[in-house]
C-alpha atoms as a PDB file:
ATOM      1  CA  MET A   1     -43.751 -44.640  16.268  1.00  0.00           C
ATOM      2  CA  ARG A   2     -41.871 -41.223  16.256  1.00  0.00           C
ATOM      3  CA  PHE A   3     -42.563 -38.175  14.068  1.00  0.00           C
ATOM      4  CA  TYR A   4     -41.245 -34.670  13.772  1.00  0.00           C
ATOM      5  CA  ILE A   5     -43.198 -31.652  12.735  1.00  0.00           C
ATOM      6  CA  ARG A   6     -42.288 -28.178  11.870  1.00  0.00           C
ATOM      7  CA  HIS A   7     -44.660 -25.622  13.391  1.00  0.00           C
ATOM      8  CA  ARG A   8     -47.091 -24.187  10.634  1.00  0.00           C
ATOM      9  CA  THR A   9     -46.228 -20.535  11.464  1.00  0.00           C
ATOM     10  CA  ASP A  10     -42.414 -21.114  12.207  1.00  0.00           C
ATOM     11  CA  GLN A  11     -40.575 -23.494   9.880  1.00  0.00           C
ATOM     12  CA  SER A  12     -37.550 -23.303  11.787  1.00  0.00           C
ATOM     13  CA  LYS A  13     -39.231 -24.780  14.937  1.00  0.00           C
ATOM     14  CA  LEU A  14     -39.036 -28.568  15.151  1.00  0.00           C
ATOM     15  CA  ILE A  15     -41.468 -30.219  17.436  1.00  0.00           C
ATOM     16  CA  LYS A  16     -41.149 -33.841  18.447  1.00  0.00           C
ATOM     17  CA  ILE A  17     -44.215 -36.221  18.327  1.00  0.00           C
ATOM     18  CA  LEU A  18     -44.419 -39.760  19.506  1.00  0.00           C
ATOM     19  CA  CYS A  19     -47.754 -41.387  18.789  1.00  0.00           C
ATOM     20  CA  SER A  20     -49.050 -44.945  18.866  1.00  0.00           C
ATOM     21  CA  ASP A  21     -50.717 -44.702  15.407  1.00  0.00           C
ATOM     22  CA  ARG A  22     -51.081 -42.225  12.450  1.00  0.00           C
ATOM     23  CA  ASP A  23     -54.534 -41.071  13.579  1.00  0.00           C
ATOM     24  CA  LYS A  24     -53.080 -39.894  16.778  1.00  0.00           C
ATOM     25  CA  PHE A  25     -50.302 -38.169  14.836  1.00  0.00           C
ATOM     26  CA  ARG A  26     -52.916 -36.384  12.745  1.00  0.00           C
ATOM     27  CA  LEU A  27     -54.752 -35.186  15.870  1.00  0.00           C
ATOM     28  CA  THR A  28     -51.496 -34.082  17.498  1.00  0.00           C
ATOM     29  CA  SER A  29     -50.168 -32.118  14.609  1.00  0.00           C
ATOM     30  CA  SER A  30     -53.550 -30.415  14.154  1.00  0.00           C
ATOM     31  CA  LEU A  31     -53.324 -29.562  17.979  1.00  0.00           C
ATOM     32  CA  ILE A  32     -49.766 -28.226  17.546  1.00  0.00           C
ATOM     33  CA  ASN A  33     -50.722 -26.061  14.545  1.00  0.00           C
ATOM     34  CA  SER A  34     -53.621 -24.570  16.556  1.00  0.00           C
ATOM     35  CA  LEU A  35     -50.992 -23.070  19.009  1.00  0.00           C
ATOM     36  CA  ASP A  36     -49.069 -19.915  18.551  1.00  0.00           C
ATOM     37  CA  GLU A  37     -45.613 -20.074  17.102  1.00  0.00           C
ATOM     38  CA  SER A  38     -44.181 -19.150  20.521  1.00  0.00           C
ATOM     39  CA  THR A  39     -45.769 -22.231  22.175  1.00  0.00           C
ATOM     40  CA  ILE A  40     -43.778 -23.418  25.228  1.00  0.00           C
ATOM     41  CA  PHE A  41     -44.319 -27.099  24.225  1.00  0.00           C
ATOM     42  CA  LYS A  42     -41.611 -28.925  22.377  1.00  0.00           C
ATOM     43  CA  GLN A  43     -42.606 -32.465  22.620  1.00  0.00           C
ATOM     44  CA  PHE A  44     -45.798 -34.446  22.367  1.00  0.00           C
ATOM     45  CA  PHE A  45     -46.741 -38.014  23.358  1.00  0.00           C
ATOM     46  CA  TYR A  46     -50.117 -39.710  22.493  1.00  0.00           C
ATOM     47  CA  PHE A  47     -50.621 -43.250  23.439  1.00  0.00           C
ATOM     48  CA  ASP A  48     -53.315 -45.969  23.447  1.00  0.00           C
ATOM     49  CA  SER A  49     -52.502 -46.717  27.026  1.00  0.00           C
ATOM     50  CA  VAL A  50     -49.770 -46.157  29.763  1.00  0.00           C
ATOM     51  CA  GLU A  51     -49.502 -46.977  33.350  1.00  0.00           C
ATOM     52  CA  SER A  52     -49.818 -43.317  34.237  1.00  0.00           C
ATOM     53  CA  THR A  53     -49.045 -40.157  32.243  1.00  0.00           C
ATOM     54  CA  GLN A  54     -47.694 -38.587  35.433  1.00  0.00           C
ATOM     55  CA  ASP A  55     -45.271 -41.462  35.803  1.00  0.00           C
ATOM     56  CA  PHE A  56     -44.298 -41.300  32.202  1.00  0.00           C
ATOM     57  CA  ALA A  57     -43.538 -37.617  32.560  1.00  0.00           C
ATOM     58  CA  TYR A  58     -41.530 -38.139  35.725  1.00  0.00           C
ATOM     59  CA  GLU A  59     -39.421 -40.776  33.775  1.00  0.00           C
ATOM     60  CA  LEU A  60     -38.770 -38.216  31.033  1.00  0.00           C
ATOM     61  CA  LEU A  61     -37.295 -35.825  33.563  1.00  0.00           C
ATOM     62  CA  ARG A  62     -35.070 -38.561  34.987  1.00  0.00           C
ATOM     63  CA  SER A  63     -33.816 -40.050  31.660  1.00  0.00           C
ATOM     64  CA  ASP A  64     -33.418 -37.123  29.341  1.00  0.00           C
ATOM     65  CA  ALA A  65     -30.229 -35.058  29.756  1.00  0.00           C
ATOM     66  CA  ASP A  66     -31.928 -32.325  27.656  1.00  0.00           C
ATOM     67  CA  PHE A  67     -35.369 -31.317  28.987  1.00  0.00           C
ATOM     68  CA  TYR A  68     -38.214 -30.529  26.582  1.00  0.00           C
ATOM     69  CA  PRO A  69     -41.410 -29.062  27.838  1.00  0.00           C
ATOM     70  CA  SER A  70     -43.842 -31.957  27.097  1.00  0.00           C
ATOM     71  CA  VAL A  71     -47.528 -32.919  26.695  1.00  0.00           C
ATOM     72  CA  ILE A  72     -48.376 -36.560  27.389  1.00  0.00           C
ATOM     73  CA  ILE A  73     -51.867 -37.842  26.492  1.00  0.00           C
ATOM     74  CA  SER A  74     -53.272 -41.367  26.881  1.00  0.00           C
ATOM     75  CA  ASP A  75     -56.574 -42.960  25.839  1.00  0.00           C
ATOM     76  CA  PHE A  76     -56.534 -44.648  29.224  1.00  0.00           C
ATOM     77  CA  GLN A  77     -54.294 -45.241  32.109  1.00  0.00           C
ATOM     78  CA  ILE A  78     -53.829 -48.642  33.831  1.00  0.00           C
ATOM     79  CA  GLY A  79     -52.591 -47.098  37.038  1.00  0.00           C
ATOM     80  CA  GLY A  80     -54.144 -43.677  37.146  1.00  0.00           C
ATOM     81  CA  LYS A  81     -53.586 -41.698  40.444  1.00  0.00           C
ATOM     82  CA  GLY A  82     -55.407 -39.250  42.597  1.00  0.00           C
ATOM     83  CA  ARG A  83     -53.781 -36.858  45.136  1.00  0.00           C
ATOM     84  CA  LYS A  84     -53.940 -39.546  47.957  1.00  0.00           C
ATOM     85  CA  GLY A  85     -52.675 -42.432  45.755  1.00  0.00           C
ATOM     86  CA  PRO A  86     -54.068 -44.859  43.224  1.00  0.00           C
ATOM     87  CA  ASN A  87     -57.680 -44.171  43.861  1.00  0.00           C
ATOM     88  CA  TRP A  88     -58.772 -42.876  40.490  1.00  0.00           C
ATOM     89  CA  ALA A  89     -59.904 -44.745  37.365  1.00  0.00           C
ATOM     90  CA  SER A  90     -59.088 -43.597  33.780  1.00  0.00           C
ATOM     91  CA  PRO A  91     -61.028 -45.618  31.279  1.00  0.00           C
ATOM     92  CA  LYS A  92     -61.197 -44.783  27.552  1.00  0.00           C
ATOM     93  CA  GLY A  93     -63.406 -41.811  26.735  1.00  0.00           C
ATOM     94  CA  GLY A  94     -61.939 -39.349  29.269  1.00  0.00           C
ATOM     95  CA  ILE A  95     -59.063 -36.983  29.180  1.00  0.00           C
ATOM     96  CA  TRP A  96     -55.850 -38.259  30.913  1.00  0.00           C
ATOM     97  CA  MET A  97     -52.931 -35.872  30.384  1.00  0.00           C
ATOM     98  CA  SER A  98     -49.713 -34.701  31.908  1.00  0.00           C
ATOM     99  CA  LEU A  99     -47.670 -31.523  31.271  1.00  0.00           C
ATOM    100  CA  ALA A 100     -43.999 -31.299  31.953  1.00  0.00           C
ATOM    101  CA  LEU A 101     -42.873 -27.720  32.178  1.00  0.00           C
ATOM    102  CA  GLU A 102     -39.846 -25.559  33.177  1.00  0.00           C
ATOM    103  CA  THR A 103     -40.317 -22.759  35.699  1.00  0.00           C
ATOM    104  CA  ASP A 104     -38.258 -20.555  38.078  1.00  0.00           C
ATOM    105  CA  LEU A 105     -40.807 -20.183  40.705  1.00  0.00           C
ATOM    106  CA  LYS A 106     -39.771 -20.508  44.346  1.00  0.00           C
ATOM    107  CA  THR A 107     -40.879 -23.652  46.246  1.00  0.00           C
ATOM    108  CA  HIS A 108     -43.466 -21.561  48.332  1.00  0.00           C
ATOM    109  CA  GLU A 109     -45.100 -20.409  45.059  1.00  0.00           C
ATOM    110  CA  LEU A 110     -46.174 -23.903  43.759  1.00  0.00           C
ATOM    111  CA  PHE A 111     -49.835 -23.088  44.728  1.00  0.00           C
ATOM    112  CA  ARG A 112     -49.880 -20.494  41.987  1.00  0.00           C
ATOM    113  CA  ILE A 113     -49.517 -23.256  39.441  1.00  0.00           C
ATOM    114  CA  LEU A 114     -52.585 -25.088  40.970  1.00  0.00           C
ATOM    115  CA  MET A 115     -54.597 -22.008  40.977  1.00  0.00           C
ATOM    116  CA  LEU A 116     -53.908 -21.275  37.246  1.00  0.00           C
ATOM    117  CA  VAL A 117     -54.680 -24.835  36.213  1.00  0.00           C
ATOM    118  CA  THR A 118     -57.816 -24.768  38.197  1.00  0.00           C
ATOM    119  CA  ARG A 119     -59.018 -21.581  36.604  1.00  0.00           C
ATOM    120  CA  LEU A 120     -58.041 -22.695  33.081  1.00  0.00           C
ATOM    121  CA  LEU A 121     -59.590 -26.047  33.366  1.00  0.00           C
ATOM    122  CA  CYS A 122     -62.828 -24.649  34.682  1.00  0.00           C
ATOM    123  CA  GLN A 123     -62.973 -22.147  31.778  1.00  0.00           C
ATOM    124  CA  ALA A 124     -62.257 -24.853  29.316  1.00  0.00           C
ATOM    125  CA  LEU A 125     -65.202 -26.955  30.713  1.00  0.00           C
ATOM    126  CA  GLU A 126     -67.630 -24.004  30.755  1.00  0.00           C
ATOM    127  CA  ASN A 127     -66.520 -22.819  27.323  1.00  0.00           C
ATOM    128  CA  ASN A 128     -66.889 -26.230  25.699  1.00  0.00           C
ATOM    129  CA  THR A 129     -70.123 -27.314  27.486  1.00  0.00           C
ATOM    130  CA  LYS A 130     -71.901 -24.313  29.137  1.00  0.00           C
ATOM    131  CA  LEU A 131     -71.924 -26.330  32.486  1.00  0.00           C
ATOM    132  CA  LYS A 132     -71.333 -24.541  35.634  1.00  0.00           C
ATOM    133  CA  SER A 133     -68.195 -25.784  37.458  1.00  0.00           C
ATOM    134  CA  MET A 134     -67.353 -25.747  41.094  1.00  0.00           C
ATOM    135  CA  VAL A 135     -64.048 -26.137  42.882  1.00  0.00           C
ATOM    136  CA  LYS A 136     -63.538 -28.147  46.051  1.00  0.00           C
ATOM    137  CA  TRP A 137     -60.429 -27.483  47.990  1.00  0.00           C
ATOM    138  CA  PRO A 138     -57.782 -28.119  47.123  1.00  0.00           C
ATOM    139  CA  ASN A 139     -57.815 -29.622  43.601  1.00  0.00           C
ATOM    140  CA  ASP A 140     -61.083 -31.139  42.639  1.00  0.00           C
ATOM    141  CA  ILE A 141     -63.495 -29.751  40.027  1.00  0.00           C
ATOM    142  CA  LEU A 142     -67.091 -30.673  40.349  1.00  0.00           C
ATOM    143  CA  ILE A 143     -70.277 -30.292  38.312  1.00  0.00           C
ATOM    144  CA  ASN A 144     -73.689 -30.346  40.161  1.00  0.00           C
ATOM    145  CA  GLY A 145     -71.743 -31.258  43.341  1.00  0.00           C
ATOM    146  CA  LYS A 146     -69.952 -34.326  41.826  1.00  0.00           C
ATOM    147  CA  LYS A 147     -66.305 -34.611  40.926  1.00  0.00           C
ATOM    148  CA  VAL A 148     -65.563 -34.467  37.308  1.00  0.00           C
ATOM    149  CA  ALA A 149     -61.919 -33.600  37.147  1.00  0.00           C
ATOM    150  CA  GLY A 150     -58.722 -33.626  39.386  1.00  0.00           C
ATOM    151  CA  ILE A 151     -55.304 -32.053  39.191  1.00  0.00           C
ATOM    152  CA  LEU A 152     -51.993 -33.407  40.511  1.00  0.00           C
ATOM    153  CA  LEU A 153     -48.701 -31.511  40.944  1.00  0.00           C
ATOM    154  CA  ASP A 154     -45.207 -33.083  41.179  1.00  0.00           C
ATOM    155  CA  ALA A 155     -42.179 -30.811  41.247  1.00  0.00           C
ATOM    156  CA  GLN A 156     -38.479 -31.185  40.677  1.00  0.00           C
ATOM    157  CA  VAL A 157     -36.698 -28.820  43.189  1.00  0.00           C
ATOM    158  CA  GLU A 158     -33.269 -27.313  43.512  1.00  0.00           C
ATOM    159  CA  ALA A 159     -32.501 -25.392  46.553  1.00  0.00           C
ATOM    160  CA  ASP A 160     -35.483 -23.067  47.137  1.00  0.00           C
ATOM    161  CA  SER A 161     -36.550 -23.050  43.406  1.00  0.00           C
ATOM    162  CA  ILE A 162     -38.837 -25.261  41.331  1.00  0.00           C
ATOM    163  CA  LYS A 163     -36.806 -26.534  38.342  1.00  0.00           C
ATOM    164  CA  GLN A 164     -39.600 -28.476  36.595  1.00  0.00           C
ATOM    165  CA  VAL A 165     -43.261 -29.264  37.332  1.00  0.00           C
ATOM    166  CA  ILE A 166     -45.378 -32.011  36.177  1.00  0.00           C
ATOM    167  CA  ILE A 167     -49.089 -31.122  36.040  1.00  0.00           C
ATOM    168  CA  GLY A 168     -51.473 -34.205  35.870  1.00  0.00           C
ATOM    169  CA  ILE A 169     -54.941 -33.584  34.682  1.00  0.00           C
ATOM    170  CA  GLY A 170     -57.835 -36.129  34.573  1.00  0.00           C
ATOM    171  CA  VAL A 171     -61.196 -35.212  33.223  1.00  0.00           C
ATOM    172  CA  ASN A 172     -64.289 -37.437  32.972  1.00  0.00           C
ATOM    173  CA  THR A 173     -65.631 -36.303  29.660  1.00  0.00           C
ATOM    174  CA  ASN A 174     -67.187 -39.249  27.629  1.00  0.00           C
ATOM    175  CA  ASN A 175     -66.072 -42.333  29.564  1.00  0.00           C
ATOM    176  CA  ASP A 176     -69.067 -44.502  30.768  1.00  0.00           C
ATOM    177  CA  LEU A 177     -70.096 -43.349  34.262  1.00  0.00           C
ATOM    178  CA  ASP A 178     -71.203 -46.657  35.654  1.00  0.00           C
ATOM    179  CA  PHE A 179     -67.948 -48.501  34.500  1.00  0.00           C
ATOM    180  CA  THR A 180     -65.884 -45.714  35.910  1.00  0.00           C
ATOM    181  CA  LYS A 181     -67.566 -46.013  39.252  1.00  0.00           C
ATOM    182  CA  LEU A 182     -67.013 -49.780  39.394  1.00  0.00           C
ATOM    183  CA  LEU A 183     -63.269 -49.295  38.621  1.00  0.00           C
ATOM    184  CA  ILE A 184     -62.998 -46.653  41.395  1.00  0.00           C
ATOM    185  CA  LYS A 185     -64.685 -49.008  43.880  1.00  0.00           C
ATOM    186  CA  ASP A 186     -62.336 -51.964  42.858  1.00  0.00           C
ATOM    187  CA  LYS A 187     -59.273 -49.597  43.330  1.00  0.00           C
ATOM    188  CA  ASN A 188     -60.552 -48.575  46.785  1.00  0.00           C
ATOM    189  CA  ASN A 189     -61.753 -51.861  48.111  1.00  0.00           C
ATOM    190  CA  GLY A 190     -65.490 -51.010  47.553  1.00  0.00           C
ATOM    191  CA  ILE A 191     -65.230 -47.810  49.420  1.00  0.00           C
ATOM    192  CA  TYR A 192     -64.794 -44.137  48.437  1.00  0.00           C
ATOM    193  CA  ASP A 193     -66.128 -40.936  49.925  1.00  0.00           C
ATOM    194  CA  PHE A 194     -66.904 -38.771  46.961  1.00  0.00           C
ATOM    195  CA  ASP A 195     -69.485 -38.952  44.141  1.00  0.00           C
ATOM    196  CA  ILE A 196     -68.338 -38.602  40.524  1.00  0.00           C
ATOM    197  CA  THR A 197     -69.943 -37.696  37.228  1.00  0.00           C
ATOM    198  CA  THR A 198     -68.843 -37.276  33.588  1.00  0.00           C
ATOM    199  CA  ILE A 199     -69.357 -34.255  31.203  1.00  0.00           C
ATOM    200  CA  LYS A 200     -71.487 -36.389  28.978  1.00  0.00           C
ATOM    201  CA  TYR A 201     -73.849 -37.444  31.697  1.00  0.00           C
ATOM    202  CA  GLU A 202     -74.356 -33.895  32.867  1.00  0.00           C
ATOM    203  CA  ASN A 203     -74.553 -32.648  29.250  1.00  0.00           C
ATOM    204  CA  GLN A 204     -77.825 -34.546  28.595  1.00  0.00           C
ATOM    205  CA  ASN A 205     -75.784 -37.564  27.310  1.00  0.00           C
ATOM    206  CA  ILE A 206     -74.197 -35.551  24.508  1.00  0.00           C
ATOM    207  CA  GLU A 207     -70.511 -36.193  23.819  1.00  0.00           C
ATOM    208  CA  ILE A 208     -67.979 -33.325  23.705  1.00  0.00           C
ATOM    209  CA  SER A 209     -64.780 -33.230  21.786  1.00  0.00           C
ATOM    210  CA  ASN A 210     -61.739 -34.219  23.828  1.00  0.00           C
ATOM    211  CA  ASN A 211     -59.580 -32.781  21.178  1.00  0.00           C
ATOM    212  CA  ASP A 212     -61.294 -29.280  21.280  1.00  0.00           C
ATOM    213  CA  LEU A 213     -61.150 -29.161  25.116  1.00  0.00           C
ATOM    214  CA  ILE A 214     -57.399 -30.194  25.266  1.00  0.00           C
ATOM    215  CA  GLN A 215     -56.759 -27.556  22.430  1.00  0.00           C
ATOM    216  CA  TYR A 216     -58.538 -24.699  24.407  1.00  0.00           C
ATOM    217  CA  PHE A 217     -56.661 -25.682  27.635  1.00  0.00           C
ATOM    218  CA  LEU A 218     -53.206 -25.976  26.141  1.00  0.00           C
ATOM    219  CA  LYS A 219     -53.680 -22.687  24.374  1.00  0.00           C
ATOM    220  CA  SER A 220     -54.661 -21.101  27.572  1.00  0.00           C
ATOM    221  CA  ILE A 221     -51.646 -22.578  29.292  1.00  0.00           C
ATOM    222  CA  ASP A 222     -49.428 -21.303  26.562  1.00  0.00           C
ATOM    223  CA  ASP A 223     -50.809 -17.810  26.840  1.00  0.00           C
ATOM    224  CA  THR A 224     -50.552 -17.564  30.620  1.00  0.00           C
ATOM    225  CA  PHE A 225     -48.025 -19.854  32.291  1.00  0.00           C
ATOM    226  CA  GLN A 226     -45.149 -17.216  32.160  1.00  0.00           C
ATOM    227  CA  GLU A 227     -47.490 -14.622  33.822  1.00  0.00           C
ATOM    228  CA  LEU A 228     -47.103 -16.616  37.171  1.00  0.00           C
ATOM    229  CA  LYS A 229     -44.320 -14.208  38.091  1.00  0.00           C
ATOM    230  CA  SER A 230     -46.619 -11.225  37.834  1.00  0.00           C
ATOM    231  CA  SER A 231     -47.986 -10.198  41.150  1.00  0.00           C
ATOM    232  CA  GLU A 232     -51.021  -8.565  39.478  1.00  0.00           C
ATOM    233  CA  PHE A 233     -51.684 -11.715  37.666  1.00  0.00           C
ATOM    234  CA  VAL A 234     -51.413 -13.917  40.810  1.00  0.00           C
ATOM    235  CA  GLU A 235     -53.685 -11.544  42.706  1.00  0.00           C
ATOM    236  CA  GLU A 236     -56.339 -12.105  39.961  1.00  0.00           C
ATOM    237  CA  LEU A 237     -55.858 -15.893  40.095  1.00  0.00           C
ATOM    238  CA  THR A 238     -56.277 -15.736  43.977  1.00  0.00           C
ATOM    239  CA  THR A 239     -59.355 -13.904  43.759  1.00  0.00           C
ATOM    240  CA  TYR A 240     -60.816 -16.364  41.273  1.00  0.00           C
ATOM    241  CA  TYR A 241     -59.765 -19.396  43.243  1.00  0.00           C
ATOM    242  CA  ASN A 242     -60.958 -18.035  46.610  1.00  0.00           C
ATOM    243  CA  THR A 243     -64.324 -17.050  45.113  1.00  0.00           C
ATOM    244  CA  LYS A 244     -64.707 -20.637  43.730  1.00  0.00           C
ATOM    245  CA  ILE A 245     -63.786 -22.223  47.135  1.00  0.00           C
ATOM    246  CA  MET A 246     -66.134 -19.968  49.217  1.00  0.00           C
ATOM    247  CA  GLU A 247     -69.041 -20.656  46.663  1.00  0.00           C
ATOM    248  CA  SER A 248     -68.478 -24.395  47.043  1.00  0.00           C
ATOM    249  CA  GLN A 249     -69.271 -24.121  50.820  1.00  0.00           C
ATOM    250  CA  LYS A 250     -72.886 -23.340  49.892  1.00  0.00           C
ATOM    251  CA  HIS A 251     -73.224 -26.714  48.385  1.00  0.00           C
ATOM    252  CA  LEU A 252     -70.711 -28.964  50.088  1.00  0.00           C
ATOM    253  CA  LYS A 253     -69.731 -30.061  53.574  1.00  0.00           C
ATOM    254  CA  TYR A 254     -66.021 -29.956  54.304  1.00  0.00           C
ATOM    255  CA  ARG A 255     -64.378 -32.515  56.603  1.00  0.00           C
ATOM    256  CA  PHE A 256     -61.031 -32.031  57.973  1.00  0.00           C
ATOM    257  CA  SER A 257     -58.635 -33.957  60.091  1.00  0.00           C
ATOM    258  CA  ILE A 258     -56.178 -32.979  62.625  1.00  0.00           C
ATOM    259  CA  GLY A 259     -54.119 -35.613  64.585  1.00  0.00           C
ATOM    260  CA  GLY A 260     -56.626 -38.228  63.361  1.00  0.00           C
ATOM    261  CA  ASN A 261     -59.647 -36.288  64.607  1.00  0.00           C
ATOM    262  CA  LYS A 262     -62.103 -35.637  61.863  1.00  0.00           C
ATOM    263  CA  PHE A 263     -64.515 -32.782  61.998  1.00  0.00           C
ATOM    264  CA  ASN A 264     -66.885 -30.588  59.879  1.00  0.00           C
ATOM    265  CA  GLY A 265     -65.289 -27.380  59.222  1.00  0.00           C
ATOM    266  CA  GLU A 266     -65.955 -23.984  57.578  1.00  0.00           C
ATOM    267  CA  ILE A 267     -63.180 -22.395  55.519  1.00  0.00           C
ATOM    268  CA  LYS A 268     -62.647 -18.849  56.727  1.00  0.00           C
ATOM    269  CA  LYS A 269     -59.387 -18.039  55.008  1.00  0.00           C
ATOM    270  CA  ILE A 270     -57.158 -19.413  52.145  1.00  0.00           C
ATOM    271  CA  ASN A 271     -53.514 -18.491  52.516  1.00  0.00           C
ATOM    272  CA  ASN A 272     -51.064 -17.822  49.666  1.00  0.00           C
ATOM    273  CA  ASP A 273     -49.535 -21.291  50.050  1.00  0.00           C
ATOM    274  CA  GLY A 274     -52.809 -23.056  49.789  1.00  0.00           C
ATOM    275  CA  SER A 275     -53.141 -23.689  53.596  1.00  0.00           C
ATOM    276  CA  LEU A 276     -56.512 -22.863  55.274  1.00  0.00           C
ATOM    277  CA  LEU A 277     -57.874 -21.340  58.472  1.00  0.00           C
ATOM    278  CA  VAL A 278     -60.886 -23.400  59.404  1.00  0.00           C
ATOM    279  CA  ARG A 279     -63.619 -23.040  62.072  1.00  0.00           C
ATOM    280  CA  ASN A 280     -64.490 -26.370  63.678  1.00  0.00           C
ATOM    281  CA  LEU A 281     -68.350 -26.505  63.487  1.00  0.00           C
ATOM    282  CA  GLU A 282     -68.379 -29.342  66.047  1.00  0.00           C
ATOM    283  CA  SER A 283     -66.447 -27.684  68.807  1.00  0.00           C
ATOM    284  CA  SER A 284     -67.892 -25.503  71.655  1.00  0.00           C
ATOM    285  CA  HIS A 285     -64.799 -23.302  70.982  1.00  0.00           C
ATOM    286  CA  ASN A 286     -65.624 -22.876  67.310  1.00  0.00           C
ATOM    287  CA  ASP A 287     -64.575 -19.240  67.294  1.00  0.00           C
ATOM    288  CA  ASP A 288     -60.912 -20.522  67.343  1.00  0.00           C
ATOM    289  CA  LEU A 289     -59.426 -20.923  63.917  1.00  0.00           C
ATOM    290  CA  ILE A 290     -57.439 -24.139  63.036  1.00  0.00           C
ATOM    291  CA  ARG A 291     -54.718 -24.139  60.373  1.00  0.00           C
ATOM    292  CA  ILE A 292     -54.960 -26.883  57.764  1.00  0.00           C
ATOM    293  CA  ASN A 293     -51.654 -27.222  56.057  1.00  0.00           C
ATOM    294  CA  SER A 294     -51.091 -26.974  52.336  1.00  0.00           C
ATOM    295  CA  VAL A 295     -49.532 -29.931  50.457  1.00  0.00           C
ATOM    296  CA  TYR A 296     -48.328 -27.290  47.872  1.00  0.00           C
ATOM    297  CA  ASP A 297     -45.763 -25.513  50.093  1.00  0.00           C
ATOM    298  CA  LEU A 298     -42.513 -27.271  49.278  1.00  0.00           C
ATOM    299  CA  SER A 299     -40.567 -24.750  51.359  1.00  0.00           C
ATOM    300  CA  GLN A 300     -41.345 -26.823  54.458  1.00  0.00           C
ATOM    301  CA  SER A 301     -40.455 -30.122  52.888  1.00  0.00           C
END
């Protein structure tokens, strides 16, 4: 089912919508009309289910000769993914979304996008729930020490520049917590080394509006994504992200791995590419700092 909508404030701007039913079309058109007329998004997809919104976005990049900055949302994902593979569950009730965007950032600047999305997602959660968010390096958002959201980045690169980026976002909002844990255990052969929660569970069992949270987040992306070329704005993002990570160490223990050797570590510095300098808390030479590489520096790929 495909629809086309003219933006409420700019009748010459045609935005494509593909939805699985008319209710989703009404929600999507309302979402579009809440955005500014200068919105960077040109195409919206809203499905009952997909294998993965991230995979769907990637197929858009491969199949379409003309690229349209897009939003892909699904009620649930059959094959939802985490940063380390298919170890995440995406049942109905949560927010499962990917954004496909154009950018002219350099490959070593990908981490800027991660910092931006982290801040905007934390602000969206706190604005809509009043719950206090925490960030675990590199890309997990926690509430009360338990994972509630994760972020994925996939980039299309030409030479030393990022042509397009796909931002994957998964948020446990109103999905059933016990059922979600069972699904994750099943995907990970009964073993996973993190605790999870949902917004509803932490919010005294009160549901929040997924549509309101998505609207707040997309409006924020619209307003700030182009500012990633500004050194002043990036400095502000870096300060926010670093503060969140350092605060997390008051409540979390970080384990790192070098050459297969795992150890408890303390983050001492976050570099501009997202890599870390870490102190090994288990070593007799723990004054020496160890570099933990970033997965967000594509210049070394």
